[in-house]
């Protein structure tokens, strides 16, 4: 999810150092779109419309907060939802931030810098 200036919504989980996209592990048999909707609701209280999700890609990268692990993520775009700019962290989320993808940052998850941000540039 991006704001009008193109900033991308990111979260940081409690006890970790890297910013990442909201989301999480899918449940057995769960469609990746349903995972995105569920996780946004659990982590931020934001209700996404499954039918408005647009697939950006499936990406694989080193896990930000788990050394020697890889993460594979189905990433979607969704139009800005009313109230999202005032969202508050829920569940295991400690911090949320709207990030300018054009500015390098040392606290960004590799998935974003290696795959998502370049793909978003192509999607503009």
PDB file of N, CA and C in Angstrom:
ATOM      1  N   UNK A   1       0.847  -1.165   0.000  1.00  0.00           N
ATOM      2  CA  UNK A   1       0.000   0.000   0.000  1.00  0.00           C
ATOM      3  C   UNK A   1       0.894   1.230   0.000  1.00  0.00           C
ATOM      4  N   UNK A   2       0.549   2.177  -0.876  1.00  0.00           N
ATOM      5  CA  UNK A   2       1.312   3.415  -0.981  1.00  0.00           C
ATOM      6  C   UNK A   2       0.404   4.621  -0.742  1.00  0.00           C
ATOM      7  N   UNK A   3       1.007   5.680  -0.200  1.00  0.00           N
ATOM      8  CA  UNK A   3       0.258   6.920  -0.032  1.00  0.00           C
ATOM      9  C   UNK A   3       0.350   7.748  -1.310  1.00  0.00           C
ATOM     10  N   UNK A   4      -0.226   8.930  -1.307  1.00  0.00           N
ATOM     11  CA  UNK A   4      -0.257   9.769  -2.506  1.00  0.00           C
ATOM     12  C   UNK A   4       1.135  10.171  -2.977  1.00  0.00           C
ATOM     13  N   UNK A   5       2.111  10.228  -2.073  1.00  0.00           N
ATOM     14  CA  UNK A   5       3.484  10.595  -2.422  1.00  0.00           C
ATOM     15  C   UNK A   5       4.312   9.390  -2.868  1.00  0.00           C
ATOM     16  N   UNK A   6       3.720   8.185  -2.851  1.00  0.00           N
ATOM     17  CA  UNK A   6       4.434   6.982  -3.262  1.00  0.00           C
ATOM     18  C   UNK A   6       5.155   6.269  -2.140  1.00  0.00           C
ATOM     19  N   UNK A   7       4.993   6.745  -0.898  1.00  0.00           N
ATOM     20  CA  UNK A   7       5.609   6.062   0.242  1.00  0.00           C
ATOM     21  C   UNK A   7       4.892   4.736   0.480  1.00  0.00           C
ATOM     22  N   UNK A   8       5.666   3.732   0.871  1.00  0.00           N
ATOM     23  CA  UNK A   8       5.153   2.371   1.044  1.00  0.00           C
ATOM     24  C   UNK A   8       5.008   2.072   2.538  1.00  0.00           C
ATOM     25  N   UNK A   9       3.865   1.519   2.919  1.00  0.00           N
ATOM     26  CA  UNK A   9       3.614   1.175   4.316  1.00  0.00           C
ATOM     27  C   UNK A   9       4.495   0.006   4.746  1.00  0.00           C
ATOM     28  N   UNK A  10       5.239   0.214   5.838  1.00  0.00           N
ATOM     29  CA  UNK A  10       6.126  -0.805   6.402  1.00  0.00           C
ATOM     30  C   UNK A  10       5.864  -0.964   7.889  1.00  0.00           C
ATOM     31  N   UNK A  11       6.250  -2.123   8.410  1.00  0.00           N
ATOM     32  CA  UNK A  11       6.113  -2.406   9.838  1.00  0.00           C
ATOM     33  C   UNK A  11       7.432  -2.965  10.367  1.00  0.00           C
ATOM     34  N   UNK A  12       7.579  -2.879  11.672  1.00  0.00           N
ATOM     35  CA  UNK A  12       8.689  -3.558  12.353  1.00  0.00           C
ATOM     36  C   UNK A  12       8.080  -4.348  13.501  1.00  0.00           C
ATOM     37  N   UNK A  13       8.388  -5.631  13.525  1.00  0.00           N
ATOM     38  CA  UNK A  13       7.866  -6.491  14.579  1.00  0.00           C
ATOM     39  C   UNK A  13       8.632  -6.273  15.873  1.00  0.00           C
ATOM     40  N   UNK A  14       7.966  -6.495  16.973  1.00  0.00           N
ATOM     41  CA  UNK A  14       8.566  -6.356  18.298  1.00  0.00           C
ATOM     42  C   UNK A  14       9.835  -7.205  18.388  1.00  0.00           C
ATOM     43  N   UNK A  15      10.907  -6.592  18.898  1.00  0.00           N
ATOM     44  CA  UNK A  15      12.152  -7.316  19.102  1.00  0.00           C
ATOM     45  C   UNK A  15      13.007  -7.486  17.864  1.00  0.00           C
ATOM     46  N   UNK A  16      12.670  -6.790  16.763  1.00  0.00           N
ATOM     47  CA  UNK A  16      13.460  -6.892  15.537  1.00  0.00           C
ATOM     48  C   UNK A  16      13.966  -5.502  15.142  1.00  0.00           C
ATOM     49  N   UNK A  17      14.866  -5.476  14.152  1.00  0.00           N
ATOM     50  CA  UNK A  17      15.486  -4.212  13.754  1.00  0.00           C
ATOM     51  C   UNK A  17      15.113  -3.768  12.343  1.00  0.00           C
ATOM     52  N   UNK A  18      14.554  -4.653  11.522  1.00  0.00           N
ATOM     53  CA  UNK A  18      14.312  -4.325  10.115  1.00  0.00           C
ATOM     54  C   UNK A  18      12.861  -3.977   9.837  1.00  0.00           C
ATOM     55  N   UNK A  19      12.677  -2.993   8.964  1.00  0.00           N
ATOM     56  CA  UNK A  19      11.346  -2.668   8.461  1.00  0.00           C
ATOM     57  C   UNK A  19      11.010  -3.622   7.328  1.00  0.00           C
ATOM     58  N   UNK A  20       9.760  -4.034   7.268  1.00  0.00           N
ATOM     59  CA  UNK A  20       9.309  -4.963   6.230  1.00  0.00           C
ATOM     60  C   UNK A  20       7.868  -4.650   5.877  1.00  0.00           C
ATOM     61  N   UNK A  21       7.410  -5.259   4.813  1.00  0.00           N
ATOM     62  CA  UNK A  21       6.016  -5.105   4.435  1.00  0.00           C
ATOM     63  C   UNK A  21       5.127  -5.827   5.430  1.00  0.00           C
ATOM     64  N   UNK A  22       3.924  -5.310   5.672  1.00  0.00           N
ATOM     65  CA  UNK A  22       2.987  -6.067   6.506  1.00  0.00           C
ATOM     66  C   UNK A  22       2.697  -7.415   5.850  1.00  0.00           C
ATOM     67  N   UNK A  23       2.502  -8.423   6.654  1.00  0.00           N
ATOM     68  CA  UNK A  23       2.203  -9.745   6.113  1.00  0.00           C
ATOM     69  C   UNK A  23       2.693 -10.827   7.038  1.00  0.00           C
ATOM     70  N   UNK A  24       2.611 -12.045   6.574  1.00  0.00           N
ATOM     71  CA  UNK A  24       3.049 -13.160   7.402  1.00  0.00           C
ATOM     72  C   UNK A  24       2.850 -14.478   6.698  1.00  0.00           C
ATOM     73  N   UNK A  25       3.007 -15.515   7.471  1.00  0.00           N
ATOM     74  CA  UNK A  25       2.919 -16.871   6.930  1.00  0.00           C
ATOM     75  C   UNK A  25       1.470 -17.240   6.626  1.00  0.00           C
ATOM     76  N   UNK A  26       1.304 -17.960   5.527  1.00  0.00           N
ATOM     77  CA  UNK A  26      -0.043 -18.398   5.182  1.00  0.00           C
ATOM     78  C   UNK A  26      -0.417 -19.642   5.985  1.00  0.00           C
ATOM     79  N   UNK A  27      -1.693 -19.807   6.169  1.00  0.00           N
ATOM     80  CA  UNK A  27      -2.201 -21.000   6.834  1.00  0.00           C
ATOM     81  C   UNK A  27      -2.370 -22.102   5.793  1.00  0.00           C
ATOM     82  N   UNK A  28      -2.393 -23.331   6.238  1.00  0.00           N
ATOM     83  CA  UNK A  28      -2.509 -24.475   5.329  1.00  0.00           C
ATOM     84  C   UNK A  28      -3.704 -24.289   4.396  1.00  0.00           C
ATOM     85  N   UNK A  29      -3.435 -24.386   3.096  1.00  0.00           N
ATOM     86  CA  UNK A  29      -4.489 -24.278   2.095  1.00  0.00           C
ATOM     87  C   UNK A  29      -4.965 -22.865   1.820  1.00  0.00           C
ATOM     88  N   UNK A  30      -4.374 -21.872   2.447  1.00  0.00           N
ATOM     89  CA  UNK A  30      -4.821 -20.492   2.292  1.00  0.00           C
ATOM     90  C   UNK A  30      -4.242 -19.868   1.020  1.00  0.00           C
ATOM     91  N   UNK A  31      -5.068 -19.194   0.272  1.00  0.00           N
ATOM     92  CA  UNK A  31      -4.634 -18.473  -0.910  1.00  0.00           C
ATOM     93  C   UNK A  31      -3.809 -17.259  -0.470  1.00  0.00           C
ATOM     94  N   UNK A  32      -2.727 -16.926  -1.185  1.00  0.00           N
ATOM     95  CA  UNK A  32      -1.907 -15.774  -0.798  1.00  0.00           C
ATOM     96  C   UNK A  32      -2.692 -14.465  -0.675  1.00  0.00           C
ATOM     97  N   UNK A  33      -3.733 -14.294  -1.473  1.00  0.00           N
ATOM     98  CA  UNK A  33      -4.556 -13.080  -1.354  1.00  0.00           C
ATOM     99  C   UNK A  33      -5.287 -13.057  -0.011  1.00  0.00           C
ATOM    100  N   UNK A  34      -5.774 -14.202   0.397  1.00  0.00           N
ATOM    101  CA  UNK A  34      -6.463 -14.270   1.684  1.00  0.00           C
ATOM    102  C   UNK A  34      -5.485 -14.043   2.836  1.00  0.00           C
ATOM    103  N   UNK A  35      -4.248 -14.519   2.672  1.00  0.00           N
ATOM    104  CA  UNK A  35      -3.222 -14.270   3.687  1.00  0.00           C
ATOM    105  C   UNK A  35      -2.986 -12.775   3.823  1.00  0.00           C
ATOM    106  N   UNK A  36      -2.858 -12.071   2.710  1.00  0.00           N
ATOM    107  CA  UNK A  36      -2.634 -10.624   2.743  1.00  0.00           C
ATOM    108  C   UNK A  36      -3.768  -9.902   3.466  1.00  0.00           C
ATOM    109  N   UNK A  37      -4.988 -10.261   3.141  1.00  0.00           N
ATOM    110  CA  UNK A  37      -6.150  -9.626   3.781  1.00  0.00           C
ATOM    111  C   UNK A  37      -6.145  -9.908   5.284  1.00  0.00           C
ATOM    112  N   UNK A  38      -5.923 -11.162   5.658  1.00  0.00           N
ATOM    113  CA  UNK A  38      -5.927 -11.544   7.079  1.00  0.00           C
ATOM    114  C   UNK A  38      -4.819 -10.834   7.840  1.00  0.00           C
ATOM    115  N   UNK A  39      -3.605 -10.855   7.296  1.00  0.00           N
ATOM    116  CA  UNK A  39      -2.460 -10.273   7.993  1.00  0.00           C
ATOM    117  C   UNK A  39      -2.586  -8.756   8.156  1.00  0.00           C
ATOM    118  N   UNK A  40      -3.054  -8.049   7.136  1.00  0.00           N
ATOM    119  CA  UNK A  40      -3.260  -6.610   7.263  1.00  0.00           C
ATOM    120  C   UNK A  40      -4.256  -6.322   8.380  1.00  0.00           C
ATOM    121  N   UNK A  41      -5.304  -7.110   8.439  1.00  0.00           N
ATOM    122  CA  UNK A  41      -6.293  -6.923   9.498  1.00  0.00           C
ATOM    123  C   UNK A  41      -5.713  -7.183  10.877  1.00  0.00           C
ATOM    124  N   UNK A  42      -4.968  -8.277  11.024  1.00  0.00           N
ATOM    125  CA  UNK A  42      -4.396  -8.629  12.324  1.00  0.00           C
ATOM    126  C   UNK A  42      -3.322  -7.646  12.778  1.00  0.00           C
ATOM    127  N   UNK A  43      -2.460  -7.211  11.849  1.00  0.00           N
ATOM    128  CA  UNK A  43      -1.308  -6.396  12.213  1.00  0.00           C
ATOM    129  C   UNK A  43      -1.616  -4.905  12.292  1.00  0.00           C
ATOM    130  N   UNK A  44      -2.599  -4.439  11.500  1.00  0.00           N
ATOM    131  CA  UNK A  44      -2.828  -3.003  11.407  1.00  0.00           C
ATOM    132  C   UNK A  44      -4.290  -2.583  11.529  1.00  0.00           C
ATOM    133  N   UNK A  45      -5.201  -3.549  11.582  1.00  0.00           N
ATOM    134  CA  UNK A  45      -6.614  -3.209  11.651  1.00  0.00           C
ATOM    135  C   UNK A  45      -7.138  -2.611  10.351  1.00  0.00           C
ATOM    136  N   UNK A  46      -6.440  -2.863   9.251  1.00  0.00           N
ATOM    137  CA  UNK A  46      -6.835  -2.337   7.945  1.00  0.00           C
ATOM    138  C   UNK A  46      -7.531  -3.448   7.161  1.00  0.00           C
ATOM    139  N   UNK A  47      -8.737  -3.156   6.680  1.00  0.00           N
ATOM    140  CA  UNK A  47      -9.494  -4.135   5.894  1.00  0.00           C
ATOM    141  C   UNK A  47      -9.189  -3.934   4.420  1.00  0.00           C
ATOM    142  N   UNK A  48      -8.541  -4.921   3.817  1.00  0.00           N
ATOM    143  CA  UNK A  48      -8.268  -4.895   2.391  1.00  0.00           C
ATOM    144  C   UNK A  48      -9.391  -5.597   1.642  1.00  0.00           C
ATOM    145  N   UNK A  49      -9.592  -5.199   0.403  1.00  0.00           N
ATOM    146  CA  UNK A  49     -10.550  -5.846  -0.482  1.00  0.00           C
ATOM    147  C   UNK A  49      -9.771  -6.839  -1.342  1.00  0.00           C
ATOM    148  N   UNK A  50      -9.998  -8.114  -1.126  1.00  0.00           N
ATOM    149  CA  UNK A  50      -9.278  -9.175  -1.849  1.00  0.00           C
ATOM    150  C   UNK A  50      -9.288  -8.944  -3.354  1.00  0.00           C
ATOM    151  N   UNK A  51     -10.409  -8.453  -3.881  1.00  0.00           N
ATOM    152  CA  UNK A  51     -10.545  -8.264  -5.320  1.00  0.00           C
ATOM    153  C   UNK A  51      -9.772  -7.058  -5.846  1.00  0.00           C
ATOM    154  N   UNK A  52      -9.263  -6.210  -4.956  1.00  0.00           N
ATOM    155  CA  UNK A  52      -8.493  -5.034  -5.392  1.00  0.00           C
ATOM    156  C   UNK A  52      -6.986  -5.259  -5.262  1.00  0.00           C
ATOM    157  N   UNK A  53      -6.587  -6.450  -4.822  1.00  0.00           N
ATOM    158  CA  UNK A  53      -5.163  -6.778  -4.749  1.00  0.00           C
ATOM    159  C   UNK A  53      -4.634  -7.041  -6.156  1.00  0.00           C
ATOM    160  N   UNK A  54      -3.480  -6.470  -6.453  1.00  0.00           N
ATOM    161  CA  UNK A  54      -2.827  -6.675  -7.749  1.00  0.00           C
ATOM    162  C   UNK A  54      -1.476  -7.316  -7.473  1.00  0.00           C
ATOM    163  N   UNK A  55      -1.244  -8.480  -8.057  1.00  0.00           N
ATOM    164  CA  UNK A  55       0.007  -9.204  -7.820  1.00  0.00           C
ATOM    165  C   UNK A  55       1.193  -8.417  -8.374  1.00  0.00           C
ATOM    166  N   UNK A  56       2.185  -8.208  -7.511  1.00  0.00           N
ATOM    167  CA  UNK A  56       3.432  -7.557  -7.914  1.00  0.00           C
ATOM    168  C   UNK A  56       4.468  -8.615  -8.280  1.00  0.00           C
ATOM    169  N   UNK A  57       4.394  -9.765  -7.616  1.00  0.00           N
ATOM    170  CA  UNK A  57       5.302 -10.862  -7.911  1.00  0.00           C
ATOM    171  C   UNK A  57       5.502 -11.759  -6.712  1.00  0.00           C
ATOM    172  N   UNK A  58       6.185 -12.861  -6.933  1.00  0.00           N
ATOM    173  CA  UNK A  58       6.608 -13.762  -5.858  1.00  0.00           C
ATOM    174  C   UNK A  58       8.127 -13.666  -5.832  1.00  0.00           C
ATOM    175  N   UNK A  59       8.656 -13.284  -4.677  1.00  0.00           N
ATOM    176  CA  UNK A  59      10.074 -12.983  -4.547  1.00  0.00           C
ATOM    177  C   UNK A  59      10.703 -13.812  -3.447  1.00  0.00           C
ATOM    178  N   UNK A  60      11.994 -14.084  -3.618  1.00  0.00           N
ATOM    179  CA  UNK A  60      12.748 -14.865  -2.636  1.00  0.00           C
ATOM    180  C   UNK A  60      14.006 -14.080  -2.274  1.00  0.00           C
ATOM    181  N   UNK A  61      14.276 -13.987  -0.957  1.00  0.00           N
ATOM    182  CA  UNK A  61      15.395 -13.172  -0.493  1.00  0.00           C
ATOM    183  C   UNK A  61      15.811 -13.641   0.900  1.00  0.00           C
ATOM    184  N   UNK A  62      17.009 -13.241   1.363  1.00  0.00           N
ATOM    185  CA  UNK A  62      17.376 -13.548   2.756  1.00  0.00           C
ATOM    186  C   UNK A  62      16.363 -12.922   3.720  1.00  0.00           C
ATOM    187  N   UNK A  63      16.010 -13.664   4.756  1.00  0.00           N
ATOM    188  CA  UNK A  63      15.075 -13.165   5.764  1.00  0.00           C
ATOM    189  C   UNK A  63      15.735 -12.033   6.549  1.00  0.00           C
ATOM    190  N   UNK A  64      14.980 -10.987   6.795  1.00  0.00           N
ATOM    191  CA  UNK A  64      15.523  -9.803   7.473  1.00  0.00           C
ATOM    192  C   UNK A  64      15.916 -10.077   8.915  1.00  0.00           C
ATOM    193  N   UNK A  65      15.129 -10.845   9.622  1.00  0.00           N
ATOM    194  CA  UNK A  65      15.333 -11.016  11.057  1.00  0.00           C
ATOM    195  C   UNK A  65      15.673 -12.440  11.472  1.00  0.00           C
ATOM    196  N   UNK A  66      15.966 -13.288  10.494  1.00  0.00           N
ATOM    197  CA  UNK A  66      16.314 -14.680  10.771  1.00  0.00           C
ATOM    198  C   UNK A  66      17.560 -15.039   9.972  1.00  0.00           C
ATOM    199  N   UNK A  67      18.749 -14.904  10.571  1.00  0.00           N
ATOM    200  CA  UNK A  67      19.982 -15.200   9.846  1.00  0.00           C
ATOM    201  C   UNK A  67      19.969 -16.611   9.243  1.00  0.00           C
ATOM    202  N   UNK A  68      20.534 -16.735   8.068  1.00  0.00           N
ATOM    203  CA  UNK A  68      20.667 -18.012   7.350  1.00  0.00           C
ATOM    204  C   UNK A  68      19.336 -18.618   6.924  1.00  0.00           C
ATOM    205  N   UNK A  69      18.290 -17.794   6.835  1.00  0.00           N
ATOM    206  CA  UNK A  69      16.990 -18.257   6.351  1.00  0.00           C
ATOM    207  C   UNK A  69      16.597 -17.435   5.125  1.00  0.00           C
ATOM    208  N   UNK A  70      15.805 -18.048   4.262  1.00  0.00           N
ATOM    209  CA  UNK A  70      15.243 -17.354   3.115  1.00  0.00           C
ATOM    210  C   UNK A  70      13.758 -17.132   3.339  1.00  0.00           C
ATOM    211  N   UNK A  71      13.256 -16.071   2.771  1.00  0.00           N
ATOM    212  CA  UNK A  71      11.827 -15.817   2.797  1.00  0.00           C
ATOM    213  C   UNK A  71      11.341 -15.808   1.351  1.00  0.00           C
ATOM    214  N   UNK A  72      10.190 -16.405   1.131  1.00  0.00           N
ATOM    215  CA  UNK A  72       9.540 -16.326  -0.176  1.00  0.00           C
ATOM    216  C   UNK A  72       8.197 -15.655   0.061  1.00  0.00           C
ATOM    217  N   UNK A  73       7.959 -14.581  -0.675  1.00  0.00           N
ATOM    218  CA  UNK A  73       6.757 -13.790  -0.422  1.00  0.00           C
ATOM    219  C   UNK A  73       6.005 -13.497  -1.698  1.00  0.00           C
ATOM    220  N   UNK A  74       4.702 -13.724  -1.655  1.00  0.00           N
ATOM    221  CA  UNK A  74       3.806 -13.237  -2.699  1.00  0.00           C
ATOM    222  C   UNK A  74       3.450 -11.813  -2.294  1.00  0.00           C
ATOM    223  N   UNK A  75       3.785 -10.847  -3.141  1.00  0.00           N
ATOM    224  CA  UNK A  75       3.605  -9.441  -2.809  1.00  0.00           C
ATOM    225  C   UNK A  75       2.528  -8.848  -3.711  1.00  0.00           C
ATOM    226  N   UNK A  76       1.642  -8.071  -3.087  1.00  0.00           N
ATOM    227  CA  UNK A  76       0.529  -7.453  -3.796  1.00  0.00           C
ATOM    228  C   UNK A  76       0.525  -5.950  -3.550  1.00  0.00           C
ATOM    229  N   UNK A  77      -0.047  -5.239  -4.506  1.00  0.00           N
ATOM    230  CA  UNK A  77      -0.366  -3.831  -4.306  1.00  0.00           C
ATOM    231  C   UNK A  77      -1.853  -3.740  -4.023  1.00  0.00           C
ATOM    232  N   UNK A  78      -2.231  -2.696  -3.282  1.00  0.00           N
ATOM    233  CA  UNK A  78      -3.634  -2.431  -2.981  1.00  0.00           C
ATOM    234  C   UNK A  78      -3.802  -0.933  -2.926  1.00  0.00           C
ATOM    235  N   UNK A  79      -4.873  -0.403  -3.478  1.00  0.00           N
ATOM    236  CA  UNK A  79      -5.088   1.042  -3.373  1.00  0.00           C
ATOM    237  C   UNK A  79      -5.152   1.481  -1.907  1.00  0.00           C
ATOM    238  N   UNK A  80      -4.786   2.725  -1.682  1.00  0.00           N
ATOM    239  CA  UNK A  80      -4.831   3.290  -0.338  1.00  0.00           C
ATOM    240  C   UNK A  80      -6.255   3.180   0.206  1.00  0.00           C
ATOM    241  N   UNK A  81      -6.365   2.708   1.434  1.00  0.00           N
ATOM    242  CA  UNK A  81      -7.652   2.511   2.091  1.00  0.00           C
ATOM    243  C   UNK A  81      -7.920   3.714   2.999  1.00  0.00           C
ATOM    244  N   UNK A  82      -9.154   4.251   2.978  1.00  0.00           N
ATOM    245  CA  UNK A  82      -9.456   5.347   3.897  1.00  0.00           C
ATOM    246  C   UNK A  82      -9.104   4.945   5.333  1.00  0.00           C
ATOM    247  N   UNK A  83      -8.410   5.817   6.021  1.00  0.00           N
ATOM    248  CA  UNK A  83      -8.002   5.550   7.391  1.00  0.00           C
ATOM    249  C   UNK A  83      -6.632   4.913   7.527  1.00  0.00           C
ATOM    250  N   UNK A  84      -6.054   4.435   6.438  1.00  0.00           N
ATOM    251  CA  UNK A  84      -4.749   3.755   6.517  1.00  0.00           C
ATOM    252  C   UNK A  84      -3.643   4.688   6.986  1.00  0.00           C
ATOM    253  N   UNK A  85      -3.739   5.961   6.661  1.00  0.00           N
ATOM    254  CA  UNK A  85      -2.702   6.904   7.084  1.00  0.00           C
ATOM    255  C   UNK A  85      -2.701   7.107   8.593  1.00  0.00           C
ATOM    256  N   UNK A  86      -3.788   6.697   9.242  1.00  0.00           N
ATOM    257  CA  UNK A  86      -3.876   6.801  10.705  1.00  0.00           C
ATOM    258  C   UNK A  86      -3.796   5.435  11.390  1.00  0.00           C
ATOM    259  N   UNK A  87      -3.390   4.416  10.653  1.00  0.00           N
ATOM    260  CA  UNK A  87      -3.314   3.052  11.208  1.00  0.00           C
ATOM    261  C   UNK A  87      -2.360   3.016  12.399  1.00  0.00           C
ATOM    262  N   UNK A  88      -2.606   2.102  13.300  1.00  0.00           N
ATOM    263  CA  UNK A  88      -1.769   1.899  14.484  1.00  0.00           C
ATOM    264  C   UNK A  88      -1.329   0.447  14.534  1.00  0.00           C
ATOM    265  N   UNK A  89      -0.129   0.201  15.060  1.00  0.00           N
ATOM    266  CA  UNK A  89       0.357  -1.180  15.156  1.00  0.00           C
ATOM    267  C   UNK A  89      -0.501  -2.021  16.105  1.00  0.00           C
ATOM    268  N   UNK A  90      -0.740  -3.265  15.706  1.00  0.00           N
ATOM    269  CA  UNK A  90      -1.474  -4.231  16.523  1.00  0.00           C
ATOM    270  C   UNK A  90      -0.642  -5.510  16.625  1.00  0.00           C
ATOM    271  N   UNK A  91      -1.096  -6.437  17.435  1.00  0.00           N
ATOM    272  CA  UNK A  91      -0.477  -7.768  17.576  1.00  0.00           C
ATOM    273  C   UNK A  91       1.011  -7.632  17.860  1.00  0.00           C
ATOM    274  N   UNK A  92       1.858  -8.314  17.046  1.00  0.00           N
ATOM    275  CA  UNK A  92       3.307  -8.316  17.281  1.00  0.00           C
ATOM    276  C   UNK A  92       4.007  -7.111  16.658  1.00  0.00           C
ATOM    277  N   UNK A  93       3.260  -6.213  16.046  1.00  0.00           N
ATOM    278  CA  UNK A  93       3.850  -5.049  15.383  1.00  0.00           C
ATOM    279  C   UNK A  93       4.129  -3.962  16.421  1.00  0.00           C
ATOM    280  N   UNK A  94       5.366  -3.468  16.392  1.00  0.00           N
ATOM    281  CA  UNK A  94       5.795  -2.434  17.338  1.00  0.00           C
ATOM    282  C   UNK A  94       5.789  -1.041  16.703  1.00  0.00           C
ATOM    283  N   UNK A  95       5.997  -0.995  15.399  1.00  0.00           N
ATOM    284  CA  UNK A  95       6.176   0.295  14.736  1.00  0.00           C
ATOM    285  C   UNK A  95       5.672   0.194  13.306  1.00  0.00           C
ATOM    286  N   UNK A  96       5.068   1.276  12.809  1.00  0.00           N
ATOM    287  CA  UNK A  96       4.748   1.341  11.390  1.00  0.00           C
ATOM    288  C   UNK A  96       5.250   2.664  10.845  1.00  0.00           C
ATOM    289  N   UNK A  97       5.590   2.636   9.563  1.00  0.00           N
ATOM    290  CA  UNK A  97       6.193   3.808   8.937  1.00  0.00           C
ATOM    291  C   UNK A  97       5.926   3.778   7.437  1.00  0.00           C
ATOM    292  N   UNK A  98       5.652   4.964   6.871  1.00  0.00           N
ATOM    293  CA  UNK A  98       5.504   5.116   5.436  1.00  0.00           C
ATOM    294  C   UNK A  98       6.883   5.475   4.888  1.00  0.00           C
ATOM    295  N   UNK A  99       7.450   4.607   4.061  1.00  0.00           N
ATOM    296  CA  UNK A  99       8.839   4.691   3.620  1.00  0.00           C
ATOM    297  C   UNK A  99       8.915   5.135   2.156  1.00  0.00           C
ATOM    298  N   UNK A 100       9.829   6.064   1.892  1.00  0.00           N
ATOM    299  CA  UNK A 100      10.117   6.476   0.521  1.00  0.00           C
ATOM    300  C   UNK A 100      11.021   5.413  -0.098  1.00  0.00           C
ATOM    301  N   UNK A 101      10.536   4.646  -1.077  1.00  0.00           N
ATOM    302  CA  UNK A 101      11.342   3.547  -1.634  1.00  0.00           C
ATOM    303  C   UNK A 101      12.563   4.019  -2.423  1.00  0.00           C
ATOM    304  N   UNK A 102      12.645   5.307  -2.716  1.00  0.00           N
ATOM    305  CA  UNK A 102      13.800   5.799  -3.479  1.00  0.00           C
ATOM    306  C   UNK A 102      14.983   6.162  -2.588  1.00  0.00           C
ATOM    307  N   UNK A 103      14.782   6.165  -1.276  1.00  0.00           N
ATOM    308  CA  UNK A 103      15.854   6.533  -0.347  1.00  0.00           C
ATOM    309  C   UNK A 103      16.446   5.296   0.317  1.00  0.00           C
ATOM    310  N   UNK A 104      17.737   5.041   0.127  1.00  0.00           N
ATOM    311  CA  UNK A 104      18.376   3.876   0.760  1.00  0.00           C
ATOM    312  C   UNK A 104      18.351   3.995   2.285  1.00  0.00           C
ATOM    313  N   UNK A 105      18.143   2.865   2.947  1.00  0.00           N
ATOM    314  CA  UNK A 105      18.096   2.823   4.415  1.00  0.00           C
ATOM    315  C   UNK A 105      18.733   1.536   4.894  1.00  0.00           C
ATOM    316  N   UNK A 106      19.501   1.602   5.972  1.00  0.00           N
ATOM    317  CA  UNK A 106      20.140   0.387   6.487  1.00  0.00           C
ATOM    318  C   UNK A 106      19.177  -0.536   7.236  1.00  0.00           C
ATOM    319  N   UNK A 107      18.004  -0.052   7.608  1.00  0.00           N
ATOM    320  CA  UNK A 107      17.061  -0.852   8.393  1.00  0.00           C
ATOM    321  C   UNK A 107      15.971  -1.509   7.546  1.00  0.00           C
ATOM    322  N   UNK A 108      16.197  -1.604   6.240  1.00  0.00           N
ATOM    323  CA  UNK A 108      15.189  -2.148   5.342  1.00  0.00           C
ATOM    324  C   UNK A 108      15.436  -3.630   5.066  1.00  0.00           C
ATOM    325  N   UNK A 109      14.371  -4.417   5.040  1.00  0.00           N
ATOM    326  CA  UNK A 109      14.463  -5.847   4.731  1.00  0.00           C
ATOM    327  C   UNK A 109      15.015  -6.048   3.318  1.00  0.00           C
ATOM    328  N   UNK A 110      15.900  -7.041   3.142  1.00  0.00           N
ATOM    329  CA  UNK A 110      16.461  -7.312   1.819  1.00  0.00           C
ATOM    330  C   UNK A 110      15.400  -7.575   0.745  1.00  0.00           C
ATOM    331  N   UNK A 111      14.302  -8.202   1.109  1.00  0.00           N
ATOM    332  CA  UNK A 111      13.237  -8.474   0.142  1.00  0.00           C
ATOM    333  C   UNK A 111      12.807  -7.188  -0.558  1.00  0.00           C
ATOM    334  N   UNK A 112      12.710  -6.117   0.217  1.00  0.00           N
ATOM    335  CA  UNK A 112      12.254  -4.847  -0.353  1.00  0.00           C
ATOM    336  C   UNK A 112      13.302  -4.220  -1.253  1.00  0.00           C
ATOM    337  N   UNK A 113      14.531  -4.122  -0.755  1.00  0.00           N
ATOM    338  CA  UNK A 113      15.571  -3.453  -1.540  1.00  0.00           C
ATOM    339  C   UNK A 113      15.966  -4.254  -2.775  1.00  0.00           C
ATOM    340  N   UNK A 114      15.936  -5.578  -2.679  1.00  0.00           N
ATOM    341  CA  UNK A 114      16.343  -6.419  -3.808  1.00  0.00           C
ATOM    342  C   UNK A 114      15.245  -6.643  -4.841  1.00  0.00           C
ATOM    343  N   UNK A 115      13.984  -6.676  -4.398  1.00  0.00           N
ATOM    344  CA  UNK A 115      12.909  -7.080  -5.302  1.00  0.00           C
ATOM    345  C   UNK A 115      11.720  -6.125  -5.355  1.00  0.00           C
ATOM    346  N   UNK A 116      11.152  -5.814  -4.194  1.00  0.00           N
ATOM    347  CA  UNK A 116       9.887  -5.082  -4.176  1.00  0.00           C
ATOM    348  C   UNK A 116      10.054  -3.655  -4.692  1.00  0.00           C
ATOM    349  N   UNK A 117      11.027  -2.921  -4.173  1.00  0.00           N
ATOM    350  CA  UNK A 117      11.186  -1.533  -4.614  1.00  0.00           C
ATOM    351  C   UNK A 117      11.482  -1.441  -6.109  1.00  0.00           C
ATOM    352  N   UNK A 118      12.381  -2.288  -6.644  1.00  0.00           N
ATOM    353  CA  UNK A 118      12.565  -2.239  -8.107  1.00  0.00           C
ATOM    354  C   UNK A 118      11.268  -2.566  -8.879  1.00  0.00           C
ATOM    355  N   UNK A 119      10.492  -3.522  -8.393  1.00  0.00           N
ATOM    356  CA  UNK A 119       9.241  -3.883  -9.061  1.00  0.00           C
ATOM    357  C   UNK A 119       8.232  -2.731  -8.988  1.00  0.00           C
ATOM    358  N   UNK A 120       8.209  -2.024  -7.869  1.00  0.00           N
ATOM    359  CA  UNK A 120       7.310  -0.879  -7.744  1.00  0.00           C
ATOM    360  C   UNK A 120       7.711   0.221  -8.727  1.00  0.00           C
ATOM    361  N   UNK A 121       8.992   0.394  -8.934  1.00  0.00           N
ATOM    362  CA  UNK A 121       9.450   1.372  -9.906  1.00  0.00           C
ATOM    363  C   UNK A 121       8.954   1.050 -11.299  1.00  0.00           C
ATOM    364  N   UNK A 122       8.918  -0.241 -11.617  1.00  0.00           N
ATOM    365  CA  UNK A 122       8.422  -0.678 -12.916  1.00  0.00           C
ATOM    366  C   UNK A 122       6.915  -0.502 -13.027  1.00  0.00           C
ATOM    367  N   UNK A 123       6.218  -0.531 -11.859  1.00  0.00           N
ATOM    368  CA  UNK A 123       4.755  -0.478 -11.854  1.00  0.00           C
ATOM    369  C   UNK A 123       4.219   0.954 -11.929  1.00  0.00           C
ATOM    370  N   UNK A 124       5.094   1.942 -11.765  1.00  0.00           N
ATOM    371  CA  UNK A 124       4.615   3.335 -11.767  1.00  0.00           C
ATOM    372  C   UNK A 124       4.237   3.806 -13.133  1.00  0.00           C
TER     373      UNK A 124
END
